[in-house]
Amino acid sequence: MEHFASGRKRNYYGKGDVIVYRLNRDRRVPEGQSPVFGANVLMLTYGDAFWPTYTTGDNTGLVATDSMKNFIQRETMNFAGDDLPQYCRFLAAKFLDCYPQAEGIQVSASEIPYAGVDEVAFAPTGPERAMARVELTRASTPGAEGASTRGVLTVTEATAGVRGFRLLRLGGSAFGGFVRDEYTTLPDIANRPLHMWLDLEWRHTDVEQAFSGGATAQARRIVRTVFREFESGSIQQIIYKMGTRILEEIPTVAEVHLEANNRTWDTVTERGDELGVYTDARPPYGCLGLCLKR
């Protein structure tokens, strides 16, 4: 189920898993920008003009989802940057400008990252991927003879984040002192190798700050630095440290939401804290969430 920051919708529709790659083949890009821009896009629009499609099968005002796919892919040529929130806003505003019957739109994108092997060759990177979600709504105003104008576009949501961190620490992670009863089999652990997954999203104090760029690179650096340097008593403590550091070092962020999975590998055999052999954890995993506001 999809959710919209502007509220529950009676109807919505769109196109998902729209894959697009924009290649600056001459490699003429601003400093710090890659010649390879890849994204997986989900576009959802809504409005009363689309209601007859549901009730009577009348498609008069409907923009086909195949047309939406073509719109996303072709308009990517006209987007010069590589910042995902800016990209989502660009597509959303252009779509509402093209189709006045749409009352609002939500565009989400996740990066498909490639890094340079040399000046002309690139390879996939990750596994973490930046993401963004932007919703624009139209405030219709009466025009001549009661007709509706295109109205003013308002940014209802601008969320960014990074999903899919896979983090491994050789030691320095403890877990003990928790409730013990008839259901407890886990021993206290003083120094475990920790394998965790992490997703995070954030919002800014001023919605326009979401389109200024830079926060994603800072958040990635903070997550890796905290995980490397901080010895913890729980995964909860790690993500709290990451969240508070993000609020401290990125003053435009108003709220950050972190969700971690404990994917610590099962032990096959260990020689004290010196050497160990491990295998992937069994499917049940711990899920730990945290939301911090300024």
Protein backbone atom coordinates (compact mmCIF):
# COMPACT_ATOMS: atom_id res chain seq x y z
CA MET A 1 0.00 0.00 0.00
CA GLU A 2 1.27 3.46 -0.88
CA HIS A 3 0.97 6.44 1.46
CA PHE A 4 0.82 10.11 0.60
CA ALA A 5 1.95 12.94 2.85
CA SER A 6 -1.04 15.00 1.70
CA GLY A 7 -3.47 12.39 3.05
CA ARG A 8 -5.34 9.25 2.04
CA LYS A 9 -6.43 9.14 -1.61
CA ARG A 10 -9.67 7.73 -2.98
CA ASN A 11 -7.79 6.62 -6.05
CA TYR A 12 -4.26 6.73 -7.43
CA TYR A 13 -2.34 4.96 -10.15
CA GLY A 14 1.00 5.08 -11.89
CA LYS A 15 4.06 3.22 -13.12
CA GLY A 16 6.76 1.49 -11.11
CA ASP A 17 10.14 -0.11 -11.80
CA VAL A 18 10.87 2.41 -14.52
CA ILE A 19 14.61 1.97 -15.13
CA VAL A 20 16.58 4.75 -16.74
CA TYR A 21 20.29 5.41 -17.31
CA ARG A 22 21.59 8.78 -18.50
CA LEU A 23 25.16 8.60 -19.80
CA ASN A 24 27.28 11.68 -20.38
CA ARG A 25 29.38 9.84 -22.93
CA ASP A 26 31.72 12.79 -23.41
CA ARG A 27 32.25 12.78 -19.60
CA ARG A 28 31.61 16.55 -19.49
CA VAL A 29 29.94 16.84 -16.09
CA PRO A 30 30.37 19.18 -13.11
CA GLU A 31 33.11 18.28 -10.65
CA GLY A 32 31.98 15.53 -8.31
CA GLN A 33 29.23 14.32 -10.63
CA SER A 34 29.43 10.93 -12.32
CA PRO A 35 28.90 10.53 -16.07
CA VAL A 36 26.57 7.65 -15.17
CA PHE A 37 23.18 8.53 -13.63
CA GLY A 38 20.93 5.53 -13.01
CA ALA A 39 17.54 5.43 -11.29
CA ASN A 40 14.57 3.16 -10.60
CA VAL A 41 11.46 5.35 -10.56
CA LEU A 42 7.92 4.98 -9.21
CA MET A 43 5.40 7.62 -10.31
CA LEU A 44 1.90 7.82 -8.80
CA THR A 45 -0.72 10.43 -9.64
CA TYR A 46 -4.23 11.10 -8.38
CA GLY A 47 -7.28 13.29 -8.94
CA ASP A 48 -11.03 13.25 -9.53
CA ALA A 49 -10.47 13.31 -13.30
CA PHE A 50 -9.32 9.70 -13.08
CA TRP A 51 -12.32 8.48 -11.06
CA PRO A 52 -14.52 7.57 -14.09
CA THR A 53 -11.93 4.98 -15.12
CA TYR A 54 -12.73 3.09 -11.92
CA THR A 55 -16.51 3.54 -11.94
CA THR A 56 -17.49 3.34 -15.63
CA GLY A 57 -14.34 2.45 -17.57
CA ASP A 58 -14.26 5.91 -19.15
CA ASN A 59 -10.58 6.65 -19.88
CA THR A 60 -11.12 10.10 -21.37
CA GLY A 61 -8.84 11.92 -18.92
CA LEU A 62 -6.49 9.04 -18.21
CA VAL A 63 -2.77 9.21 -18.96
CA ALA A 64 -1.72 5.64 -19.77
CA THR A 65 0.90 4.18 -17.48
CA ASP A 66 2.93 3.29 -20.58
CA SER A 67 2.95 7.00 -21.43
CA MET A 68 4.16 7.72 -17.91
CA LYS A 69 7.05 5.31 -18.44
CA ASN A 70 7.98 7.06 -21.68
CA PHE A 71 7.65 10.46 -19.99
CA ILE A 72 10.07 9.50 -17.20
CA GLN A 73 12.67 8.03 -19.52
CA ARG A 74 12.59 10.80 -22.13
CA GLU A 75 12.46 13.70 -19.68
CA THR A 76 15.54 12.35 -17.91
CA MET A 77 17.45 13.72 -20.90
CA ASN A 78 16.37 17.22 -19.81
CA PHE A 79 17.55 16.80 -16.20
CA ALA A 80 21.16 17.89 -15.93
CA GLY A 81 21.94 17.05 -12.30
CA ASP A 82 22.41 13.88 -10.26
CA ASP A 83 20.63 14.76 -7.00
CA LEU A 84 17.65 12.41 -6.50
CA PRO A 85 15.32 14.85 -4.67
CA GLN A 86 15.91 17.40 -7.43
CA TYR A 87 15.26 14.70 -10.04
CA CYS A 88 11.98 13.65 -8.42
CA ARG A 89 10.83 17.26 -8.17
CA PHE A 90 11.77 17.91 -11.80
CA LEU A 91 9.71 14.96 -13.04
CA ALA A 92 6.76 15.76 -10.76
CA ALA A 93 6.54 19.44 -11.76
CA LYS A 94 6.92 18.64 -15.46
CA PHE A 95 4.17 16.01 -15.31
CA LEU A 96 1.71 18.33 -13.57
CA ASP A 97 2.52 21.02 -16.10
CA CYS A 98 1.80 18.62 -18.97
CA TYR A 99 -1.41 17.15 -17.49
CA PRO A 100 -3.61 19.76 -15.73
CA GLN A 101 -6.24 17.11 -14.88
CA ALA A 102 -3.85 15.64 -12.30
CA GLU A 103 -4.34 17.12 -8.83
CA GLY A 104 -1.09 15.81 -7.40
CA ILE A 105 1.75 13.40 -7.91
CA GLN A 106 4.28 11.42 -5.90
CA VAL A 107 7.60 10.50 -7.51
CA SER A 108 10.01 8.12 -5.78
CA ALA A 109 13.43 7.10 -7.05
CA SER A 110 16.30 4.92 -5.90
CA GLU A 111 19.73 5.21 -7.42
CA ILE A 112 21.32 2.49 -9.50
CA PRO A 113 24.94 3.25 -8.61
CA TYR A 114 27.97 2.83 -10.82
CA ALA A 115 31.54 3.84 -9.97
CA GLY A 116 34.40 4.46 -12.33
CA VAL A 117 36.94 1.72 -12.97
CA ASP A 118 38.92 4.19 -15.07
CA GLU A 119 38.05 7.17 -17.29
CA VAL A 120 35.77 5.22 -19.62
CA ALA A 121 34.77 2.08 -17.72
CA PHE A 122 32.28 1.72 -14.84
CA ALA A 123 31.02 -1.08 -12.61
CA PRO A 124 28.00 -1.45 -10.29
CA THR A 125 28.53 -0.45 -6.67
CA GLY A 126 26.50 -0.69 -3.49
CA PRO A 127 24.72 -2.45 -2.04
CA GLU A 128 23.35 0.70 -0.39
CA ARG A 129 21.39 3.04 -2.61
CA ALA A 130 20.27 6.61 -2.16
CA MET A 131 16.52 7.23 -2.40
CA ALA A 132 14.14 10.17 -2.57
CA ARG A 133 10.38 10.69 -2.48
CA VAL A 134 8.72 13.95 -3.49
CA GLU A 135 5.01 14.79 -3.61
CA LEU A 136 3.63 17.87 -5.36
CA THR A 137 0.02 19.00 -5.06
CA ARG A 138 -1.87 21.52 -7.13
CA ALA A 139 -3.98 24.25 -5.49
CA SER A 140 -6.61 24.89 -8.16
CA THR A 141 -8.08 28.37 -8.42
CA PRO A 142 -11.16 29.45 -10.43
CA GLY A 143 -10.41 30.94 -13.82
CA ALA A 144 -12.47 32.54 -16.55
CA GLU A 145 -16.11 31.41 -16.68
CA GLY A 146 -15.56 29.14 -13.70
CA ALA A 147 -12.88 27.06 -15.42
CA SER A 148 -10.06 25.68 -13.26
CA THR A 149 -6.54 27.02 -13.81
CA ARG A 150 -3.45 24.89 -13.34
CA GLY A 151 -2.91 26.44 -9.91
CA VAL A 152 0.13 26.77 -7.69
CA LEU A 153 2.31 23.71 -7.07
CA THR A 154 3.22 22.97 -3.47
CA VAL A 155 5.85 20.52 -2.23
CA THR A 156 3.90 18.38 0.25
CA GLU A 157 6.73 15.93 0.93
CA ALA A 158 10.45 15.83 0.26
CA THR A 159 12.07 12.80 1.88
CA ALA A 160 15.55 11.47 1.19
CA GLY A 161 17.60 8.61 2.54
CA VAL A 162 19.90 5.66 1.98
CA ARG A 163 18.68 2.08 1.99
CA GLY A 164 20.54 -1.21 1.96
CA PHE A 165 23.62 -0.64 4.11
CA ARG A 166 25.39 -3.94 4.84
CA LEU A 167 27.81 -3.40 7.72
CA LEU A 168 30.25 -5.87 9.27
CA ARG A 169 32.36 -5.25 12.36
CA LEU A 170 34.92 -7.82 13.56
CA GLY A 171 34.38 -7.07 17.24
CA GLY A 172 33.54 -4.35 19.73
CA SER A 173 29.83 -5.20 19.91
CA ALA A 174 28.26 -6.51 23.10
CA PHE A 175 24.77 -7.59 24.09
CA GLY A 176 23.85 -8.61 27.61
CA GLY A 177 21.83 -7.78 30.72
CA PHE A 178 18.48 -8.27 29.00
CA VAL A 179 15.38 -9.91 30.54
CA ARG A 180 15.86 -13.56 31.42
CA ASP A 181 12.94 -15.92 31.85
CA GLU A 182 11.72 -19.30 30.63
CA TYR A 183 11.88 -18.12 27.00
CA THR A 184 15.51 -17.00 27.12
CA THR A 185 18.23 -19.11 25.49
CA LEU A 186 20.61 -16.39 24.26
CA PRO A 187 23.73 -15.98 26.39
CA ASP A 188 25.29 -12.63 27.28
CA ILE A 189 27.81 -11.70 24.58
CA ALA A 190 30.77 -9.45 25.36
CA ASN A 191 32.56 -9.19 22.03
CA ARG A 192 30.72 -10.43 18.95
CA PRO A 193 31.34 -9.94 15.23
CA LEU A 194 28.36 -7.83 14.23
CA HIS A 195 26.64 -7.98 10.85
CA MET A 196 23.74 -5.56 10.45
CA TRP A 197 21.60 -4.07 7.71
CA LEU A 198 20.42 -0.49 7.86
CA ASP A 199 17.96 1.82 6.11
CA LEU A 200 17.56 5.50 6.95
CA GLU A 201 15.41 8.40 5.79
CA TRP A 202 15.34 12.07 6.78
CA ARG A 203 13.37 15.25 6.33
CA HIS A 204 14.59 18.83 6.48
CA THR A 205 13.51 21.77 8.63
CA ASP A 206 12.67 23.71 5.45
CA VAL A 207 11.37 21.69 2.51
CA GLU A 208 13.47 23.69 0.05
CA GLN A 209 16.62 22.52 1.83
CA ALA A 210 15.86 19.02 0.59
CA PHE A 211 16.87 20.17 -2.90
CA SER A 212 20.18 21.80 -1.98
CA GLY A 213 22.18 18.55 -2.23
CA GLY A 214 25.00 17.22 -0.05
CA ALA A 215 23.04 15.55 2.76
CA THR A 216 23.23 12.06 1.27
CA ALA A 217 27.02 12.02 1.08
CA GLN A 218 27.24 13.36 4.65
CA ALA A 219 24.81 10.76 5.99
CA ARG A 220 26.73 7.93 4.30
CA ARG A 221 29.98 9.15 5.84
CA ILE A 222 28.43 9.48 9.32
CA VAL A 223 26.94 5.97 9.25
CA ARG A 224 30.24 4.37 8.29
CA THR A 225 32.27 6.44 10.74
CA VAL A 226 30.03 5.66 13.72
CA PHE A 227 29.89 1.97 12.88
CA ARG A 228 33.67 1.82 12.59
CA GLU A 229 34.53 3.84 15.71
CA PHE A 230 31.76 3.20 18.24
CA GLU A 231 31.86 0.17 20.56
CA SER A 232 28.29 -0.56 21.59
CA GLY A 233 26.18 -2.49 24.05
CA SER A 234 23.38 -3.03 21.53
CA ILE A 235 22.35 -2.28 17.97
CA GLN A 236 19.83 0.16 19.45
CA GLN A 237 22.72 2.13 20.89
CA ILE A 238 24.52 2.14 17.53
CA ILE A 239 21.58 3.55 15.57
CA TYR A 240 20.91 6.11 18.31
CA LYS A 241 24.51 7.27 17.99
CA MET A 242 24.17 7.46 14.20
CA GLY A 243 20.91 9.40 14.40
CA THR A 244 22.15 11.94 16.92
CA ARG A 245 25.36 12.43 14.92
CA ILE A 246 23.32 13.12 11.77
CA LEU A 247 21.27 15.77 13.61
CA GLU A 248 24.47 17.31 15.01
CA GLU A 249 26.42 17.43 11.75
CA ILE A 250 23.64 18.19 9.26
CA PRO A 251 21.83 21.18 10.79
CA THR A 252 19.17 21.30 8.06
CA VAL A 253 17.84 17.83 8.97
CA ALA A 254 14.75 18.06 11.17
CA GLU A 255 13.96 14.35 11.57
CA VAL A 256 15.75 11.10 10.88
CA HIS A 257 14.28 7.59 10.86
CA LEU A 258 16.59 4.58 11.13
CA GLU A 259 15.70 0.90 10.88
CA ALA A 260 18.29 -1.82 11.43
CA ASN A 261 18.19 -5.60 11.05
CA ASN A 262 20.38 -7.81 13.19
CA ARG A 263 21.85 -10.17 10.61
CA THR A 264 24.76 -11.37 12.76
CA TRP A 265 26.15 -14.59 11.33
CA ASP A 266 25.73 -17.92 13.08
CA THR A 267 28.94 -19.30 14.58
CA VAL A 268 30.40 -22.48 13.15
CA THR A 269 33.55 -22.52 15.28
CA GLU A 270 35.70 -19.97 17.10
CA ARG A 271 39.15 -19.81 18.62
CA GLY A 272 38.48 -17.27 21.35
CA ASP A 273 38.43 -13.71 19.98
CA GLU A 274 41.24 -14.52 17.53
CA LEU A 275 39.62 -16.48 14.72
CA GLY A 276 36.20 -17.72 13.73
CA VAL A 277 34.22 -19.38 10.97
CA TYR A 278 30.61 -18.29 10.45
CA THR A 279 27.63 -18.80 8.15
CA ASP A 280 24.62 -16.73 7.18
CA ALA A 281 22.09 -16.21 9.94
CA ARG A 282 18.88 -18.21 9.88
CA PRO A 283 15.77 -16.32 8.59
CA PRO A 284 14.40 -14.94 11.90
CA TYR A 285 16.08 -11.58 12.47
CA GLY A 286 15.86 -8.72 14.94
CA CYS A 287 14.30 -5.51 13.62
CA LEU A 288 15.12 -2.26 15.47
CA GLY A 289 13.70 1.16 14.64
CA LEU A 290 14.30 4.67 15.84
CA CYS A 291 12.93 8.12 14.94
CA LEU A 292 14.74 11.23 16.21
CA LYS A 293 13.55 14.82 15.83
CA ARG A 294 15.41 18.04 16.38
